[in-house]
N, C-alpha and C. Protein backbone atom coordinates (compact mmCIF):
# COMPACT_ATOMS: atom_id res chain seq x y z
N MET A 1 12.84 44.46 13.11
CA MET A 1 11.39 44.22 13.09
C MET A 1 10.97 43.70 14.51
N ARG A 2 9.96 44.26 15.10
CA ARG A 2 9.45 43.85 16.37
C ARG A 2 8.63 42.61 16.26
N LYS A 3 8.70 41.80 17.28
CA LYS A 3 7.89 40.53 17.35
C LYS A 3 6.49 40.88 17.72
N ASP A 4 5.62 40.09 17.20
CA ASP A 4 4.18 40.21 17.52
C ASP A 4 4.04 39.95 19.02
N PRO A 5 3.29 40.71 19.78
CA PRO A 5 3.12 40.52 21.22
C PRO A 5 2.67 39.14 21.62
N VAL A 6 1.84 38.53 20.76
CA VAL A 6 1.34 37.22 21.13
C VAL A 6 2.49 36.22 21.02
N ASP A 7 3.29 36.32 19.94
CA ASP A 7 4.47 35.45 19.75
C ASP A 7 5.44 35.66 20.85
N ALA A 8 5.71 36.88 21.24
CA ALA A 8 6.56 37.16 22.36
C ALA A 8 6.15 36.58 23.61
N ALA A 9 4.90 36.69 23.91
CA ALA A 9 4.32 36.08 25.11
C ALA A 9 4.47 34.58 25.14
N ALA A 10 4.20 33.94 23.98
CA ALA A 10 4.30 32.50 23.80
C ALA A 10 5.68 32.08 24.05
N ASP A 11 6.72 32.81 23.48
CA ASP A 11 8.18 32.53 23.66
C ASP A 11 8.50 32.63 25.10
N GLU A 12 8.02 33.64 25.77
CA GLU A 12 8.34 33.82 27.23
C GLU A 12 7.73 32.74 28.01
N SER A 13 6.52 32.36 27.78
CA SER A 13 5.92 31.25 28.50
C SER A 13 6.67 29.97 28.24
N GLU A 14 7.01 29.62 26.99
CA GLU A 14 7.80 28.45 26.71
C GLU A 14 9.19 28.46 27.47
N GLY A 15 9.77 29.57 27.55
CA GLY A 15 11.03 29.71 28.22
C GLY A 15 10.92 29.49 29.73
N ALA A 16 9.80 30.01 30.32
CA ALA A 16 9.54 29.75 31.68
C ALA A 16 9.27 28.24 32.02
N LYS A 17 8.51 27.65 31.09
CA LYS A 17 8.22 26.23 31.28
C LYS A 17 9.48 25.43 31.23
N ARG A 18 10.44 25.78 30.32
CA ARG A 18 11.69 25.00 30.22
C ARG A 18 12.52 25.23 31.42
N LEU A 19 12.55 26.46 32.00
CA LEU A 19 13.33 26.72 33.22
C LEU A 19 12.75 25.88 34.43
N SER A 20 11.41 25.77 34.42
CA SER A 20 10.73 25.03 35.50
C SER A 20 11.05 23.57 35.45
N ILE A 21 11.06 23.02 34.19
CA ILE A 21 11.44 21.60 34.02
C ILE A 21 12.89 21.42 34.37
N LEU A 22 13.73 22.24 33.98
CA LEU A 22 15.22 22.18 34.33
C LEU A 22 15.41 22.16 35.86
N ALA A 23 14.65 23.04 36.54
CA ALA A 23 14.84 23.09 38.03
C ALA A 23 14.36 21.84 38.62
N VAL A 24 13.31 21.16 38.17
CA VAL A 24 12.82 19.91 38.71
C VAL A 24 13.88 18.81 38.43
N GLU A 25 14.39 18.83 37.27
CA GLU A 25 15.47 17.80 36.89
C GLU A 25 16.67 18.02 37.74
N GLU A 26 17.17 19.24 37.95
CA GLU A 26 18.33 19.49 38.84
C GLU A 26 18.04 18.96 40.20
N ASN A 27 16.90 19.27 40.75
CA ASN A 27 16.55 18.80 42.08
C ASN A 27 16.58 17.32 42.20
N THR A 28 15.96 16.61 41.20
CA THR A 28 15.95 15.23 41.16
C THR A 28 17.35 14.62 41.12
N LEU A 29 18.19 15.17 40.30
CA LEU A 29 19.61 14.69 40.22
C LEU A 29 20.28 14.89 41.58
N ALA A 30 20.14 16.06 42.27
CA ALA A 30 20.75 16.30 43.52
C ALA A 30 20.21 15.28 44.53
N GLU A 31 18.89 14.95 44.59
CA GLU A 31 18.39 13.95 45.44
C GLU A 31 18.97 12.55 45.18
N LEU A 32 19.08 12.23 43.88
CA LEU A 32 19.68 10.95 43.56
C LEU A 32 21.16 10.79 44.00
N GLU A 33 21.89 11.87 43.86
CA GLU A 33 23.31 11.94 44.24
C GLU A 33 23.41 11.80 45.76
N ALA A 34 22.52 12.49 46.50
CA ALA A 34 22.44 12.33 47.95
C ALA A 34 22.06 10.92 48.38
N ALA A 35 21.20 10.29 47.64
CA ALA A 35 20.87 8.90 47.96
C ALA A 35 22.12 7.97 47.79
N LEU A 36 22.86 8.23 46.74
CA LEU A 36 24.00 7.42 46.47
C LEU A 36 25.02 7.68 47.62
N GLN A 37 25.15 8.85 48.08
CA GLN A 37 26.04 9.09 49.23
C GLN A 37 25.58 8.38 50.47
N ARG A 38 24.24 8.28 50.69
CA ARG A 38 23.69 7.56 51.82
C ARG A 38 24.00 6.04 51.69
N ILE A 39 23.92 5.56 50.43
CA ILE A 39 24.32 4.10 50.22
C ILE A 39 25.77 3.90 50.65
N GLU A 40 26.60 4.77 50.18
CA GLU A 40 28.06 4.68 50.57
C GLU A 40 28.28 4.73 52.11
N ALA A 41 27.44 5.63 52.71
CA ALA A 41 27.60 5.83 54.16
C ALA A 41 26.87 4.75 55.00
N GLY A 42 26.09 3.93 54.33
CA GLY A 42 25.40 2.88 55.03
C GLY A 42 24.07 3.46 55.69
N THR A 43 23.66 4.53 55.31
CA THR A 43 22.41 5.15 55.95
C THR A 43 21.23 5.14 55.01
N TYR A 44 21.40 4.57 53.82
CA TYR A 44 20.27 4.49 52.86
C TYR A 44 19.15 3.78 53.44
N GLY A 45 17.90 4.27 53.36
CA GLY A 45 16.70 3.57 53.81
C GLY A 45 16.45 3.82 55.26
N ILE A 46 17.14 4.71 55.90
CA ILE A 46 16.95 5.14 57.29
C ILE A 46 16.35 6.56 57.24
N CYS A 47 15.33 6.78 57.93
CA CYS A 47 14.62 8.06 57.99
C CYS A 47 15.47 9.10 58.72
N GLU A 48 15.74 10.21 58.11
CA GLU A 48 16.65 11.20 58.74
C GLU A 48 16.02 11.91 59.83
N ALA A 49 14.65 11.84 60.00
CA ALA A 49 13.96 12.52 61.07
C ALA A 49 13.79 11.57 62.26
N THR A 50 13.49 10.34 61.98
CA THR A 50 13.15 9.34 63.11
C THR A 50 14.15 8.31 63.31
N GLY A 51 14.95 8.07 62.40
CA GLY A 51 15.99 6.93 62.57
C GLY A 51 15.34 5.61 62.25
N ARG A 52 14.10 5.60 61.81
CA ARG A 52 13.46 4.29 61.57
C ARG A 52 13.65 3.93 60.12
N ARG A 53 13.46 2.64 59.81
CA ARG A 53 13.62 2.13 58.45
C ARG A 53 12.50 2.73 57.51
N ILE A 54 12.83 3.19 56.31
CA ILE A 54 11.91 3.56 55.40
C ILE A 54 11.39 2.33 54.75
N PRO A 55 10.03 2.14 54.65
CA PRO A 55 9.50 0.92 54.00
C PRO A 55 10.02 0.70 52.60
N SER A 56 10.33 -0.49 52.20
CA SER A 56 10.85 -0.84 50.86
C SER A 56 9.93 -0.36 49.76
N ALA A 57 8.59 -0.42 49.95
CA ALA A 57 7.66 0.02 48.93
C ALA A 57 7.86 1.47 48.71
N ARG A 58 8.09 2.21 49.75
CA ARG A 58 8.32 3.68 49.56
C ARG A 58 9.62 3.97 48.72
N LEU A 59 10.62 3.19 49.06
CA LEU A 59 11.94 3.40 48.44
C LEU A 59 11.84 2.94 46.91
N ARG A 60 11.02 1.91 46.64
CA ARG A 60 10.84 1.55 45.26
C ARG A 60 10.12 2.67 44.50
N ALA A 61 9.21 3.33 45.13
CA ALA A 61 8.40 4.40 44.44
C ALA A 61 9.22 5.60 44.44
N ILE A 62 10.04 5.93 45.43
CA ILE A 62 10.81 7.20 45.53
C ILE A 62 12.31 6.74 46.01
N PRO A 63 13.03 6.37 45.12
CA PRO A 63 14.38 5.82 45.56
C PRO A 63 15.24 6.70 46.36
N TRP A 64 14.96 8.02 46.25
CA TRP A 64 15.82 9.01 46.94
C TRP A 64 15.10 9.48 48.26
N ALA A 65 14.05 8.79 48.67
CA ALA A 65 13.32 9.23 49.90
C ALA A 65 14.31 9.29 51.10
N ARG A 66 14.17 10.38 51.81
CA ARG A 66 15.01 10.60 52.98
C ARG A 66 14.23 10.39 54.27
N PHE A 67 12.90 10.35 54.13
CA PHE A 67 12.00 10.25 55.31
C PHE A 67 10.94 9.24 55.13
N THR A 68 10.39 8.69 56.16
CA THR A 68 9.18 7.89 56.08
C THR A 68 8.08 8.80 55.63
N ALA A 69 7.00 8.26 55.08
CA ALA A 69 5.89 9.11 54.64
C ALA A 69 5.32 9.90 55.81
N GLY A 70 5.18 9.34 56.98
CA GLY A 70 4.64 10.13 58.11
C GLY A 70 5.60 11.21 58.56
N ALA A 71 6.88 10.98 58.61
CA ALA A 71 7.86 11.98 58.99
C ALA A 71 7.86 13.12 57.94
N GLU A 72 7.71 12.81 56.66
CA GLU A 72 7.76 13.80 55.64
C GLU A 72 6.44 14.68 55.75
N GLN A 73 5.32 14.00 55.98
CA GLN A 73 4.08 14.75 56.08
C GLN A 73 4.15 15.69 57.28
N ALA A 74 4.73 15.17 58.36
CA ALA A 74 4.83 16.12 59.58
C ALA A 74 5.71 17.33 59.21
N LEU A 75 6.79 17.10 58.55
CA LEU A 75 7.68 18.16 58.14
C LEU A 75 7.00 19.14 57.29
N GLU A 76 6.27 18.66 56.31
CA GLU A 76 5.53 19.53 55.37
C GLU A 76 4.50 20.42 56.17
N GLU A 77 3.80 19.69 57.06
CA GLU A 77 2.79 20.46 57.78
C GLU A 77 3.43 21.53 58.67
N LYS A 78 4.59 21.21 59.23
CA LYS A 78 5.35 22.18 60.13
C LYS A 78 5.78 23.34 59.26
N GLN A 79 6.32 23.10 58.14
CA GLN A 79 6.74 24.16 57.24
C GLN A 79 5.62 24.95 56.68
N GLY A 80 4.49 24.33 56.43
CA GLY A 80 3.34 25.05 55.96
C GLY A 80 2.76 25.93 57.05
N GLY A 81 2.84 25.60 58.28
CA GLY A 81 2.29 26.34 59.40
C GLY A 81 3.23 27.43 59.85
N ALA A 82 4.47 27.49 59.35
CA ALA A 82 5.42 28.48 59.89
C ALA A 82 5.23 29.76 59.15
C-alpha cells in the first residue's frame, strides 16, 4: 500500500529536521572537544585570530569560543564577501 503524499511529505520533512538537529549537535560536540583540547594546551580563552584574551563574559555565554567577538565578526564578513 502506498503512503498518502501528504504523510510522505510530512515524514520527509520530519527526517530532514532531525538530520539538521543532529548536525548542530555534532558540531557543538566537536567545538566542546576542541575547547577541552585548548584547556589542556593552555590556550583556552585566547583568540585564535588575534592572540588576545577572549572576554570572560563571552566565554560564559559561548564556552567553546575560539575568537573574540570582533575577530569572529571580521572572519564572517570576509567569508561572506568571498
